């Protein structure tokens, strides 16, 4: 095997330019940029900034799949029944499980802005169970961690989550773990890096 194919710096999914996009790809990007992620700016410069990080540059290679995924992601990010602090905690647990550097980098600021204590995020980054979590945070942590690591949750963990968040909340937790698993997989395969000048946040 050549050095080129084993070199971790080899770029994957080169950044797509607007002029290269077919109708389905352009439609996907306009839809994303017109929604809450993009703030309504669908110009070429905004599109390039958006594609330089996150999964969308890779998803353009299969725009129908990308469109379905981004619609799920829009629900998880902006319409989940879980409050943002808990939703972002579930996302961080998923990013840490996959060691998804960009995902962690992108969502840490959202988690802290939503009220997650910095010490909780710092413990997660070290792959440690955070101390001092609130009851609802501990329930999210246990549910998501066991789902990722054991591929299932026991009755006590499930019942605790239902008692706190209802059945819809439990489904939204599963959705967050599943969607951000797909995002993390994409970012890891595409080797999407944190912005220049920033260190990798996860070991």
N, C-alpha and C. Protein backbone atom coordinates (compact mmCIF):
# COMPACT_ATOMS: atom_id res chain seq x y z
N UNK A 1 0.85 -1.20 0.00
CA UNK A 1 0.00 0.00 0.00
C UNK A 1 0.88 1.25 0.00
N UNK A 2 0.55 2.22 -0.82
CA UNK A 2 1.39 3.41 -0.92
C UNK A 2 1.23 4.30 0.28
N UNK A 3 2.24 5.16 0.47
CA UNK A 3 2.18 6.10 1.59
C UNK A 3 0.99 7.04 1.44
N UNK A 4 0.66 7.37 0.21
CA UNK A 4 -0.44 8.31 -0.02
C UNK A 4 -1.76 7.79 0.53
N UNK A 5 -2.02 6.50 0.38
CA UNK A 5 -3.29 5.95 0.83
C UNK A 5 -3.35 5.76 2.33
N UNK A 6 -2.20 5.77 3.01
CA UNK A 6 -2.22 5.61 4.45
C UNK A 6 -1.98 6.93 5.19
N UNK A 7 -1.70 7.99 4.47
CA UNK A 7 -1.40 9.28 5.07
C UNK A 7 -2.70 9.92 5.58
N UNK A 8 -2.75 10.21 6.86
CA UNK A 8 -3.97 10.75 7.46
C UNK A 8 -4.27 12.17 7.01
N UNK A 9 -3.32 12.83 6.32
CA UNK A 9 -3.56 14.19 5.87
C UNK A 9 -4.19 14.23 4.48
N UNK A 10 -4.32 13.06 3.81
CA UNK A 10 -4.93 13.03 2.49
C UNK A 10 -6.36 13.55 2.59
N UNK A 11 -6.70 14.52 1.75
CA UNK A 11 -8.04 15.10 1.80
C UNK A 11 -9.05 14.15 1.18
N UNK A 12 -10.22 14.10 1.79
CA UNK A 12 -11.34 13.33 1.26
C UNK A 12 -12.51 14.26 1.01
N UNK A 13 -13.30 13.95 0.03
CA UNK A 13 -14.43 14.80 -0.35
C UNK A 13 -13.97 16.24 -0.52
N UNK A 14 -13.20 16.53 -1.56
CA UNK A 14 -12.74 17.92 -1.78
C UNK A 14 -13.90 18.90 -1.71
N UNK A 15 -13.61 20.09 -1.21
CA UNK A 15 -14.65 21.10 -1.03
C UNK A 15 -15.32 21.40 -2.36
N UNK A 16 -16.62 21.21 -2.40
CA UNK A 16 -17.37 21.39 -3.65
C UNK A 16 -17.67 22.88 -3.86
N UNK A 17 -17.48 23.31 -5.07
CA UNK A 17 -17.77 24.69 -5.43
C UNK A 17 -19.21 24.79 -5.97
N UNK A 18 -19.87 25.92 -5.76
CA UNK A 18 -21.25 26.06 -6.25
C UNK A 18 -21.41 25.74 -7.73
N UNK A 19 -20.41 26.11 -8.54
CA UNK A 19 -20.52 25.86 -9.99
C UNK A 19 -20.47 24.38 -10.33
N UNK A 20 -19.96 23.56 -9.41
CA UNK A 20 -19.86 22.12 -9.64
C UNK A 20 -21.14 21.38 -9.28
N UNK A 21 -22.02 22.02 -8.56
CA UNK A 21 -23.19 21.32 -8.02
C UNK A 21 -24.25 21.09 -9.07
N UNK A 22 -24.85 19.90 -9.04
CA UNK A 22 -26.01 19.66 -9.88
C UNK A 22 -27.26 20.23 -9.19
N UNK A 23 -28.40 20.06 -9.81
CA UNK A 23 -29.63 20.67 -9.27
C UNK A 23 -29.97 20.14 -7.88
N UNK A 24 -29.81 18.83 -7.68
CA UNK A 24 -30.15 18.24 -6.39
C UNK A 24 -29.21 18.74 -5.30
N UNK A 25 -27.93 18.87 -5.63
CA UNK A 25 -26.95 19.35 -4.66
C UNK A 25 -27.20 20.81 -4.30
N UNK A 26 -27.46 21.63 -5.31
CA UNK A 26 -27.74 23.05 -5.06
C UNK A 26 -29.01 23.22 -4.25
N UNK A 27 -30.01 22.40 -4.53
CA UNK A 27 -31.26 22.46 -3.78
C UNK A 27 -31.04 22.10 -2.32
N UNK A 28 -30.22 21.07 -2.06
CA UNK A 28 -29.91 20.69 -0.67
C UNK A 28 -29.26 21.85 0.07
N UNK A 29 -28.25 22.47 -0.54
CA UNK A 29 -27.55 23.55 0.15
C UNK A 29 -28.45 24.75 0.38
N UNK A 30 -29.27 25.09 -0.59
CA UNK A 30 -30.17 26.23 -0.42
C UNK A 30 -31.17 25.96 0.70
N UNK A 31 -31.62 24.70 0.79
CA UNK A 31 -32.57 24.33 1.84
C UNK A 31 -31.93 24.45 3.22
N UNK A 32 -30.70 23.98 3.34
CA UNK A 32 -30.00 24.05 4.63
C UNK A 32 -29.75 25.51 5.02
N UNK A 33 -29.26 26.30 4.06
CA UNK A 33 -28.91 27.69 4.36
C UNK A 33 -30.14 28.55 4.64
N UNK A 34 -31.27 28.18 4.06
CA UNK A 34 -32.49 28.95 4.30
C UNK A 34 -33.12 28.63 5.64
N UNK A 35 -32.70 27.53 6.26
CA UNK A 35 -33.26 27.11 7.54
C UNK A 35 -32.55 27.73 8.72
N UNK A 36 -32.83 27.25 9.93
CA UNK A 36 -32.25 27.85 11.14
C UNK A 36 -30.74 27.70 11.24
N UNK A 37 -30.15 26.71 10.57
CA UNK A 37 -28.69 26.58 10.61
C UNK A 37 -28.00 27.72 9.86
N UNK A 38 -28.56 28.07 8.70
CA UNK A 38 -27.89 29.02 7.83
C UNK A 38 -28.31 30.46 8.01
N UNK A 39 -29.44 30.69 8.64
CA UNK A 39 -29.88 32.05 8.89
C UNK A 39 -30.40 32.78 7.67
N UNK A 40 -30.65 32.06 6.58
CA UNK A 40 -31.26 32.68 5.41
C UNK A 40 -30.30 33.18 4.36
N UNK A 41 -28.99 33.18 4.63
CA UNK A 41 -28.00 33.63 3.65
C UNK A 41 -27.57 32.45 2.80
N UNK A 42 -28.04 32.43 1.55
CA UNK A 42 -27.73 31.31 0.64
C UNK A 42 -26.77 31.71 -0.47
N UNK A 43 -26.03 32.81 -0.27
CA UNK A 43 -25.08 33.25 -1.28
C UNK A 43 -23.88 32.33 -1.38
N UNK A 44 -23.09 32.45 -2.46
CA UNK A 44 -21.93 31.57 -2.67
C UNK A 44 -20.91 31.62 -1.53
N UNK A 45 -20.64 32.81 -0.99
CA UNK A 45 -19.66 32.92 0.09
C UNK A 45 -20.16 32.23 1.35
N UNK A 46 -21.43 32.42 1.67
CA UNK A 46 -22.01 31.76 2.85
C UNK A 46 -22.00 30.25 2.65
N UNK A 47 -22.27 29.81 1.43
CA UNK A 47 -22.28 28.38 1.14
C UNK A 47 -20.90 27.78 1.35
N UNK A 48 -19.86 28.47 0.90
CA UNK A 48 -18.50 27.96 1.06
C UNK A 48 -18.09 27.92 2.53
N UNK A 49 -18.47 28.92 3.29
CA UNK A 49 -18.17 28.91 4.73
C UNK A 49 -18.87 27.73 5.41
N UNK A 50 -20.09 27.49 5.00
CA UNK A 50 -20.86 26.41 5.61
C UNK A 50 -20.28 25.05 5.27
N UNK A 51 -19.82 24.89 4.03
CA UNK A 51 -19.31 23.60 3.59
C UNK A 51 -17.93 23.29 4.15
N UNK A 52 -17.21 24.29 4.63
CA UNK A 52 -15.85 24.07 5.10
C UNK A 52 -15.80 23.30 6.42
N UNK A 53 -16.91 23.21 7.12
CA UNK A 53 -17.00 22.44 8.36
C UNK A 53 -18.34 21.71 8.40
N UNK A 54 -18.41 20.66 9.19
CA UNK A 54 -19.64 19.90 9.28
C UNK A 54 -19.74 18.84 8.19
N UNK A 55 -20.87 18.12 8.15
CA UNK A 55 -21.00 16.96 7.26
C UNK A 55 -21.52 17.26 5.87
N UNK A 56 -21.94 18.50 5.60
CA UNK A 56 -22.72 18.75 4.40
C UNK A 56 -21.91 18.64 3.11
N UNK A 57 -20.65 18.99 3.14
CA UNK A 57 -19.83 18.84 1.94
C UNK A 57 -19.78 17.38 1.51
N UNK A 58 -19.66 16.48 2.49
CA UNK A 58 -19.67 15.05 2.16
C UNK A 58 -21.06 14.60 1.73
N UNK A 59 -22.10 15.08 2.43
CA UNK A 59 -23.46 14.64 2.11
C UNK A 59 -23.90 15.08 0.71
N UNK A 60 -23.26 16.12 0.16
CA UNK A 60 -23.60 16.53 -1.19
C UNK A 60 -23.36 15.41 -2.20
N UNK A 61 -22.48 14.46 -1.87
CA UNK A 61 -22.21 13.37 -2.78
C UNK A 61 -23.41 12.45 -2.93
N UNK A 62 -24.32 12.49 -1.99
CA UNK A 62 -25.59 11.76 -2.09
C UNK A 62 -26.68 12.70 -1.61
N UNK A 63 -27.09 13.66 -2.45
CA UNK A 63 -27.94 14.75 -1.98
C UNK A 63 -29.31 14.33 -1.48
N UNK A 64 -29.87 13.25 -2.04
CA UNK A 64 -31.17 12.80 -1.53
C UNK A 64 -31.03 12.28 -0.10
N UNK A 65 -29.99 11.50 0.15
CA UNK A 65 -29.71 11.06 1.52
C UNK A 65 -29.41 12.25 2.40
N UNK A 66 -28.57 13.17 1.91
CA UNK A 66 -28.22 14.35 2.69
C UNK A 66 -29.43 15.17 3.08
N UNK A 67 -30.39 15.29 2.17
CA UNK A 67 -31.59 16.07 2.47
C UNK A 67 -32.41 15.41 3.56
N UNK A 68 -32.53 14.09 3.50
CA UNK A 68 -33.28 13.38 4.55
C UNK A 68 -32.58 13.50 5.89
N UNK A 69 -31.26 13.38 5.88
CA UNK A 69 -30.51 13.50 7.14
C UNK A 69 -30.62 14.91 7.71
N UNK A 70 -30.50 15.93 6.86
CA UNK A 70 -30.51 17.29 7.38
C UNK A 70 -31.87 17.66 7.96
N UNK A 71 -32.93 17.05 7.46
CA UNK A 71 -34.26 17.31 8.02
C UNK A 71 -34.39 16.69 9.40
N UNK A 72 -33.83 15.48 9.57
CA UNK A 72 -33.80 14.89 10.90
C UNK A 72 -32.97 15.76 11.83
N UNK A 73 -31.80 16.20 11.34
CA UNK A 73 -30.93 17.04 12.15
C UNK A 73 -31.58 18.35 12.56
N UNK A 74 -32.36 18.94 11.66
CA UNK A 74 -33.04 20.19 12.00
C UNK A 74 -34.02 19.96 13.15
N UNK A 75 -34.72 18.83 13.12
CA UNK A 75 -35.63 18.53 14.23
C UNK A 75 -34.84 18.35 15.53
N UNK A 76 -33.79 17.55 15.48
CA UNK A 76 -33.02 17.26 16.69
C UNK A 76 -32.43 18.54 17.26
N UNK A 77 -31.88 19.39 16.42
CA UNK A 77 -31.24 20.61 16.90
C UNK A 77 -32.23 21.65 17.44
N UNK A 78 -33.34 21.82 16.73
CA UNK A 78 -34.16 23.00 16.99
C UNK A 78 -35.58 22.71 17.47
N UNK A 79 -36.02 21.45 17.40
CA UNK A 79 -37.41 21.15 17.76
C UNK A 79 -37.56 19.98 18.71
N UNK A 80 -36.47 19.48 19.25
CA UNK A 80 -36.54 18.36 20.18
C UNK A 80 -37.39 18.71 21.39
N UNK A 81 -38.05 17.71 21.95
CA UNK A 81 -38.82 17.93 23.17
C UNK A 81 -37.91 18.12 24.38
N UNK A 82 -36.64 17.75 24.24
CA UNK A 82 -35.68 17.93 25.33
C UNK A 82 -35.19 19.37 25.35
N UNK A 83 -34.98 19.92 26.54
CA UNK A 83 -34.43 21.26 26.60
C UNK A 83 -33.01 21.26 26.05
N UNK A 84 -32.54 22.39 25.49
CA UNK A 84 -31.24 22.43 24.82
C UNK A 84 -30.07 21.92 25.67
N UNK A 85 -30.07 22.20 26.96
CA UNK A 85 -28.97 21.74 27.82
C UNK A 85 -28.83 20.22 27.78
N UNK A 86 -29.96 19.53 27.82
CA UNK A 86 -29.95 18.07 27.82
C UNK A 86 -29.70 17.51 26.42
N UNK A 87 -30.27 18.16 25.43
CA UNK A 87 -30.05 17.75 24.05
C UNK A 87 -28.57 17.85 23.68
N UNK A 88 -27.95 18.95 24.07
CA UNK A 88 -26.52 19.14 23.77
C UNK A 88 -25.65 18.16 24.57
N UNK A 89 -26.08 17.83 25.76
CA UNK A 89 -25.35 16.82 26.53
C UNK A 89 -25.36 15.48 25.78
N UNK A 90 -26.51 15.10 25.25
CA UNK A 90 -26.59 13.86 24.48
C UNK A 90 -25.69 13.92 23.25
N UNK A 91 -25.61 15.07 22.62
CA UNK A 91 -24.74 15.24 21.45
C UNK A 91 -23.28 15.12 21.85
N UNK A 92 -22.90 15.72 22.97
CA UNK A 92 -21.51 15.62 23.42
C UNK A 92 -21.14 14.18 23.79
N UNK A 93 -22.05 13.47 24.44
CA UNK A 93 -21.79 12.07 24.77
C UNK A 93 -21.52 11.28 23.48
N UNK A 94 -22.31 11.57 22.44
CA UNK A 94 -22.14 10.88 21.16
C UNK A 94 -20.83 11.26 20.49
N UNK A 95 -20.51 12.55 20.50
CA UNK A 95 -19.25 13.00 19.90
C UNK A 95 -18.05 12.39 20.62
N UNK A 96 -18.15 12.27 21.94
CA UNK A 96 -17.05 11.68 22.71
C UNK A 96 -16.93 10.19 22.41
N UNK A 97 -18.05 9.49 22.28
CA UNK A 97 -18.02 8.06 21.98
C UNK A 97 -17.30 7.81 20.66
N UNK A 98 -17.56 8.66 19.68
CA UNK A 98 -16.96 8.50 18.35
C UNK A 98 -15.63 9.24 18.22
N UNK A 99 -15.19 9.93 19.25
CA UNK A 99 -14.00 10.80 19.18
C UNK A 99 -14.10 11.66 17.92
N UNK A 100 -15.22 12.29 17.76
CA UNK A 100 -15.47 13.17 16.61
C UNK A 100 -15.03 14.58 16.98
N UNK A 101 -13.83 14.93 16.55
CA UNK A 101 -13.21 16.19 16.97
C UNK A 101 -14.04 17.40 16.57
N UNK A 102 -14.46 17.43 15.30
CA UNK A 102 -15.20 18.61 14.85
C UNK A 102 -16.56 18.69 15.53
N UNK A 103 -17.22 17.55 15.70
CA UNK A 103 -18.54 17.57 16.33
C UNK A 103 -18.46 18.12 17.75
N UNK A 104 -17.46 17.65 18.48
CA UNK A 104 -17.26 18.16 19.85
C UNK A 104 -16.97 19.66 19.82
N UNK A 105 -16.05 20.05 18.96
CA UNK A 105 -15.68 21.47 18.85
C UNK A 105 -16.91 22.33 18.54
N UNK A 106 -17.73 21.87 17.60
CA UNK A 106 -18.88 22.66 17.16
C UNK A 106 -19.95 22.76 18.23
N UNK A 107 -20.16 21.70 19.01
CA UNK A 107 -21.29 21.68 19.93
C UNK A 107 -20.93 22.02 21.37
N UNK A 108 -19.65 22.06 21.70
CA UNK A 108 -19.31 22.45 23.07
C UNK A 108 -19.83 23.84 23.40
N UNK A 109 -19.68 24.77 22.47
CA UNK A 109 -20.15 26.14 22.74
C UNK A 109 -21.67 26.20 22.87
N UNK A 110 -22.36 25.36 22.11
CA UNK A 110 -23.83 25.32 22.23
C UNK A 110 -24.24 24.75 23.59
N UNK A 111 -23.53 23.72 24.04
CA UNK A 111 -23.84 23.10 25.32
C UNK A 111 -23.62 24.08 26.47
N UNK A 112 -22.50 24.78 26.44
CA UNK A 112 -22.21 25.73 27.52
C UNK A 112 -23.20 26.90 27.49
N UNK A 113 -23.53 27.37 26.29
CA UNK A 113 -24.50 28.46 26.19
C UNK A 113 -25.87 28.03 26.68
N UNK A 114 -26.17 26.74 26.58
CA UNK A 114 -27.48 26.23 27.03
C UNK A 114 -27.50 25.96 28.53
N UNK A 115 -26.37 26.12 29.20
CA UNK A 115 -26.35 25.99 30.65
C UNK A 115 -25.64 24.78 31.20
N UNK A 116 -25.02 23.96 30.34
CA UNK A 116 -24.26 22.82 30.84
C UNK A 116 -23.00 23.33 31.53
N UNK A 117 -22.72 22.80 32.72
CA UNK A 117 -21.56 23.25 33.47
C UNK A 117 -20.26 22.85 32.75
N UNK A 118 -19.29 23.77 32.66
CA UNK A 118 -18.02 23.46 32.00
C UNK A 118 -17.33 22.23 32.57
N UNK A 119 -17.44 22.02 33.89
CA UNK A 119 -16.76 20.88 34.50
C UNK A 119 -17.36 19.55 34.02
N UNK A 120 -18.65 19.55 33.68
CA UNK A 120 -19.28 18.35 33.16
C UNK A 120 -18.74 18.04 31.77
N UNK A 121 -18.66 19.06 30.93
CA UNK A 121 -18.10 18.87 29.60
C UNK A 121 -16.64 18.44 29.67
N UNK A 122 -15.88 19.02 30.59
CA UNK A 122 -14.46 18.68 30.72
C UNK A 122 -14.28 17.22 31.13
N UNK A 123 -15.13 16.73 32.03
CA UNK A 123 -15.05 15.33 32.42
C UNK A 123 -15.40 14.42 31.26
N UNK A 124 -16.44 14.78 30.51
CA UNK A 124 -16.80 13.99 29.33
C UNK A 124 -15.64 13.91 28.35
N UNK A 125 -14.98 15.04 28.13
CA UNK A 125 -13.86 15.06 27.19
C UNK A 125 -12.75 14.11 27.61
N UNK A 126 -12.62 13.89 28.93
CA UNK A 126 -11.60 12.96 29.44
C UNK A 126 -12.12 11.53 29.52
N UNK A 127 -13.31 11.30 29.03
CA UNK A 127 -13.94 9.98 29.08
C UNK A 127 -14.23 9.55 30.52
N UNK A 128 -14.57 10.51 31.36
CA UNK A 128 -14.90 10.24 32.76
C UNK A 128 -16.38 10.54 33.00
N UNK A 129 -16.96 9.81 33.96
CA UNK A 129 -18.33 10.13 34.35
C UNK A 129 -18.32 11.42 35.14
N UNK A 130 -19.02 12.45 34.69
CA UNK A 130 -18.98 13.73 35.41
C UNK A 130 -19.61 13.62 36.80
N UNK A 131 -19.03 14.31 37.73
CA UNK A 131 -19.63 14.41 39.06
C UNK A 131 -20.46 15.69 39.12
N UNK A 132 -21.38 15.73 40.08
CA UNK A 132 -22.18 16.93 40.27
C UNK A 132 -23.23 17.19 39.22
N UNK A 133 -23.62 16.16 38.47
CA UNK A 133 -24.68 16.35 37.48
C UNK A 133 -26.04 16.50 38.16
N UNK A 134 -26.92 17.27 37.57
CA UNK A 134 -28.30 17.33 38.03
C UNK A 134 -28.97 15.98 37.72
N UNK A 135 -30.13 15.77 38.30
CA UNK A 135 -30.83 14.49 38.11
C UNK A 135 -31.12 14.24 36.63
N UNK A 136 -31.60 15.26 35.92
CA UNK A 136 -31.93 15.05 34.51
C UNK A 136 -30.67 14.84 33.67
N UNK A 137 -29.59 15.51 34.02
CA UNK A 137 -28.34 15.31 33.28
C UNK A 137 -27.79 13.90 33.49
N UNK A 138 -27.86 13.41 34.73
CA UNK A 138 -27.40 12.06 35.01
C UNK A 138 -28.23 11.03 34.24
N UNK A 139 -29.54 11.29 34.12
CA UNK A 139 -30.40 10.36 33.38
C UNK A 139 -30.03 10.34 31.90
N UNK A 140 -29.76 11.51 31.33
CA UNK A 140 -29.33 11.58 29.92
C UNK A 140 -27.99 10.89 29.74
N UNK A 141 -27.06 11.18 30.65
CA UNK A 141 -25.73 10.58 30.55
C UNK A 141 -25.81 9.05 30.60
N UNK A 142 -26.53 8.52 31.56
CA UNK A 142 -26.63 7.07 31.70
C UNK A 142 -27.31 6.44 30.49
N UNK A 143 -28.39 7.04 30.05
CA UNK A 143 -29.13 6.49 28.92
C UNK A 143 -28.26 6.46 27.67
N UNK A 144 -27.66 7.59 27.33
CA UNK A 144 -26.88 7.68 26.09
C UNK A 144 -25.60 6.86 26.16
N UNK A 145 -24.93 6.89 27.31
CA UNK A 145 -23.68 6.14 27.45
C UNK A 145 -23.93 4.65 27.32
N UNK A 146 -24.96 4.16 27.99
CA UNK A 146 -25.25 2.73 27.91
C UNK A 146 -25.73 2.34 26.52
N UNK A 147 -26.50 3.21 25.89
CA UNK A 147 -26.97 2.90 24.55
C UNK A 147 -25.79 2.77 23.58
N UNK A 148 -24.82 3.66 23.69
CA UNK A 148 -23.65 3.60 22.81
C UNK A 148 -22.77 2.39 23.14
N UNK A 149 -22.46 2.21 24.39
CA UNK A 149 -21.47 1.20 24.77
C UNK A 149 -22.05 -0.21 24.85
N UNK A 150 -23.29 -0.32 25.34
CA UNK A 150 -23.90 -1.65 25.51
C UNK A 150 -24.90 -1.99 24.42
N UNK A 151 -25.22 -1.00 23.58
CA UNK A 151 -26.17 -1.17 22.47
C UNK A 151 -27.60 -1.38 22.94
N UNK A 152 -27.86 -1.12 24.22
CA UNK A 152 -29.20 -1.25 24.78
C UNK A 152 -29.20 -0.53 26.13
N UNK A 153 -30.38 -0.39 26.73
CA UNK A 153 -30.48 0.17 28.08
C UNK A 153 -31.34 -0.77 28.92
N UNK A 154 -31.01 -0.87 30.19
CA UNK A 154 -31.78 -1.70 31.10
C UNK A 154 -33.07 -1.04 31.52
N UNK A 155 -33.91 -1.79 32.22
CA UNK A 155 -35.21 -1.29 32.63
C UNK A 155 -35.12 -0.08 33.53
N UNK A 156 -34.21 -0.10 34.49
CA UNK A 156 -34.12 1.01 35.43
C UNK A 156 -33.74 2.31 34.72
N UNK A 157 -32.77 2.22 33.80
CA UNK A 157 -32.34 3.41 33.05
C UNK A 157 -33.47 3.92 32.16
N UNK A 158 -34.15 3.00 31.51
CA UNK A 158 -35.28 3.38 30.64
C UNK A 158 -36.39 4.03 31.45
N UNK A 159 -36.78 3.41 32.55
CA UNK A 159 -37.89 3.93 33.34
C UNK A 159 -37.57 5.28 33.95
N UNK A 160 -36.32 5.46 34.33
CA UNK A 160 -35.92 6.77 34.86
C UNK A 160 -36.04 7.84 33.78
N UNK A 161 -35.64 7.52 32.55
CA UNK A 161 -35.73 8.48 31.46
C UNK A 161 -37.19 8.80 31.13
N UNK A 162 -38.03 7.77 31.10
CA UNK A 162 -39.46 8.00 30.82
C UNK A 162 -40.09 8.86 31.90
N UNK A 163 -39.73 8.61 33.16
CA UNK A 163 -40.30 9.38 34.26
C UNK A 163 -39.94 10.87 34.15
N UNK A 164 -38.73 11.14 33.66
CA UNK A 164 -38.26 12.53 33.58
C UNK A 164 -38.66 13.21 32.28
N UNK A 165 -38.65 12.48 31.16
CA UNK A 165 -38.79 13.11 29.85
C UNK A 165 -40.00 12.63 29.06
N UNK A 166 -40.68 11.59 29.54
CA UNK A 166 -41.78 11.03 28.79
C UNK A 166 -41.29 10.15 27.65
N UNK A 167 -42.21 9.46 27.00
CA UNK A 167 -41.83 8.57 25.91
C UNK A 167 -41.28 9.35 24.72
N UNK A 168 -41.84 10.54 24.47
CA UNK A 168 -41.30 11.36 23.38
C UNK A 168 -39.87 11.77 23.67
N UNK A 169 -39.60 12.14 24.90
CA UNK A 169 -38.24 12.52 25.27
C UNK A 169 -37.26 11.38 25.09
N UNK A 170 -37.68 10.17 25.43
CA UNK A 170 -36.81 9.01 25.24
C UNK A 170 -36.53 8.81 23.75
N UNK A 171 -37.57 8.94 22.92
CA UNK A 171 -37.35 8.80 21.48
C UNK A 171 -36.45 9.91 20.95
N UNK A 172 -36.58 11.11 21.49
CA UNK A 172 -35.72 12.21 21.03
C UNK A 172 -34.27 12.00 21.47
N UNK A 173 -34.08 11.37 22.63
CA UNK A 173 -32.72 10.99 23.04
C UNK A 173 -32.13 9.96 22.06
N UNK A 174 -32.92 8.96 21.72
CA UNK A 174 -32.46 7.96 20.76
C UNK A 174 -32.15 8.64 19.42
N UNK A 175 -33.02 9.56 19.02
CA UNK A 175 -32.80 10.29 17.77
C UNK A 175 -31.52 11.09 17.78
N UNK A 176 -31.23 11.76 18.90
CA UNK A 176 -29.99 12.54 19.00
C UNK A 176 -28.78 11.64 18.90
N UNK A 177 -28.82 10.52 19.60
CA UNK A 177 -27.69 9.58 19.54
C UNK A 177 -27.51 9.02 18.12
N UNK A 178 -28.62 8.68 17.48
CA UNK A 178 -28.55 8.10 16.15
C UNK A 178 -28.11 9.09 15.10
N UNK A 179 -28.72 10.27 15.12
CA UNK A 179 -28.37 11.28 14.10
C UNK A 179 -26.92 11.71 14.24
N UNK A 180 -26.50 12.00 15.47
CA UNK A 180 -25.12 12.48 15.63
C UNK A 180 -24.09 11.37 15.53
N UNK A 181 -24.54 10.11 15.59
CA UNK A 181 -23.66 9.02 15.19
C UNK A 181 -23.40 9.10 13.69
N UNK A 182 -24.45 9.31 12.90
CA UNK A 182 -24.27 9.46 11.45
C UNK A 182 -23.40 10.66 11.13
N UNK A 183 -23.61 11.76 11.82
CA UNK A 183 -22.78 12.95 11.61
C UNK A 183 -21.33 12.66 11.97
N UNK A 184 -21.11 12.04 13.12
CA UNK A 184 -19.74 11.75 13.56
C UNK A 184 -19.05 10.79 12.62
N UNK A 185 -19.77 9.78 12.16
CA UNK A 185 -19.20 8.86 11.17
C UNK A 185 -18.76 9.62 9.92
N UNK A 186 -19.63 10.49 9.44
CA UNK A 186 -19.32 11.27 8.24
C UNK A 186 -18.08 12.13 8.46
N UNK A 187 -18.04 12.84 9.58
CA UNK A 187 -16.92 13.74 9.87
C UNK A 187 -15.62 12.96 10.01
N UNK A 188 -15.67 11.81 10.64
CA UNK A 188 -14.46 11.01 10.82
C UNK A 188 -13.96 10.42 9.51
N UNK A 189 -14.89 9.93 8.68
CA UNK A 189 -14.48 9.39 7.38
C UNK A 189 -13.95 10.52 6.48
N UNK A 190 -14.63 11.66 6.51
CA UNK A 190 -14.22 12.80 5.68
C UNK A 190 -12.99 13.52 6.23
N UNK A 191 -12.60 13.19 7.46
CA UNK A 191 -11.47 13.84 8.13
C UNK A 191 -11.64 15.36 8.19
N UNK A 192 -12.82 15.76 8.61
CA UNK A 192 -13.11 17.18 8.79
C UNK A 192 -12.38 17.67 10.04
N UNK A 193 -11.56 18.67 9.88
CA UNK A 193 -10.73 19.16 10.97
C UNK A 193 -11.39 20.32 11.71
N UNK A 194 -10.97 20.53 12.94
CA UNK A 194 -11.39 21.74 13.65
C UNK A 194 -10.77 22.92 12.93
N UNK A 195 -11.36 24.11 13.05
CA UNK A 195 -10.82 25.28 12.35
C UNK A 195 -9.35 25.52 12.67
N UNK A 196 -8.66 26.04 11.69
CA UNK A 196 -7.23 26.30 11.83
C UNK A 196 -6.95 27.19 13.04
N UNK A 197 -5.92 26.84 13.79
CA UNK A 197 -5.56 27.59 14.98
C UNK A 197 -6.13 27.02 16.26
N UNK A 198 -6.97 25.98 16.13
CA UNK A 198 -7.55 25.32 17.30
C UNK A 198 -6.98 23.91 17.44
N UNK A 199 -6.73 23.51 18.68
CA UNK A 199 -6.22 22.17 18.95
C UNK A 199 -7.37 21.17 18.95
N UNK A 200 -7.05 19.92 18.66
CA UNK A 200 -8.04 18.87 18.77
C UNK A 200 -8.52 18.80 20.22
N UNK A 201 -9.81 18.85 20.47
CA UNK A 201 -10.29 18.89 21.85
C UNK A 201 -10.31 17.54 22.56
N UNK A 202 -10.25 16.44 21.79
CA UNK A 202 -10.40 15.11 22.37
C UNK A 202 -9.16 14.27 22.13
N UNK A 203 -8.80 13.47 23.14
CA UNK A 203 -7.69 12.52 22.99
C UNK A 203 -8.25 11.17 22.59
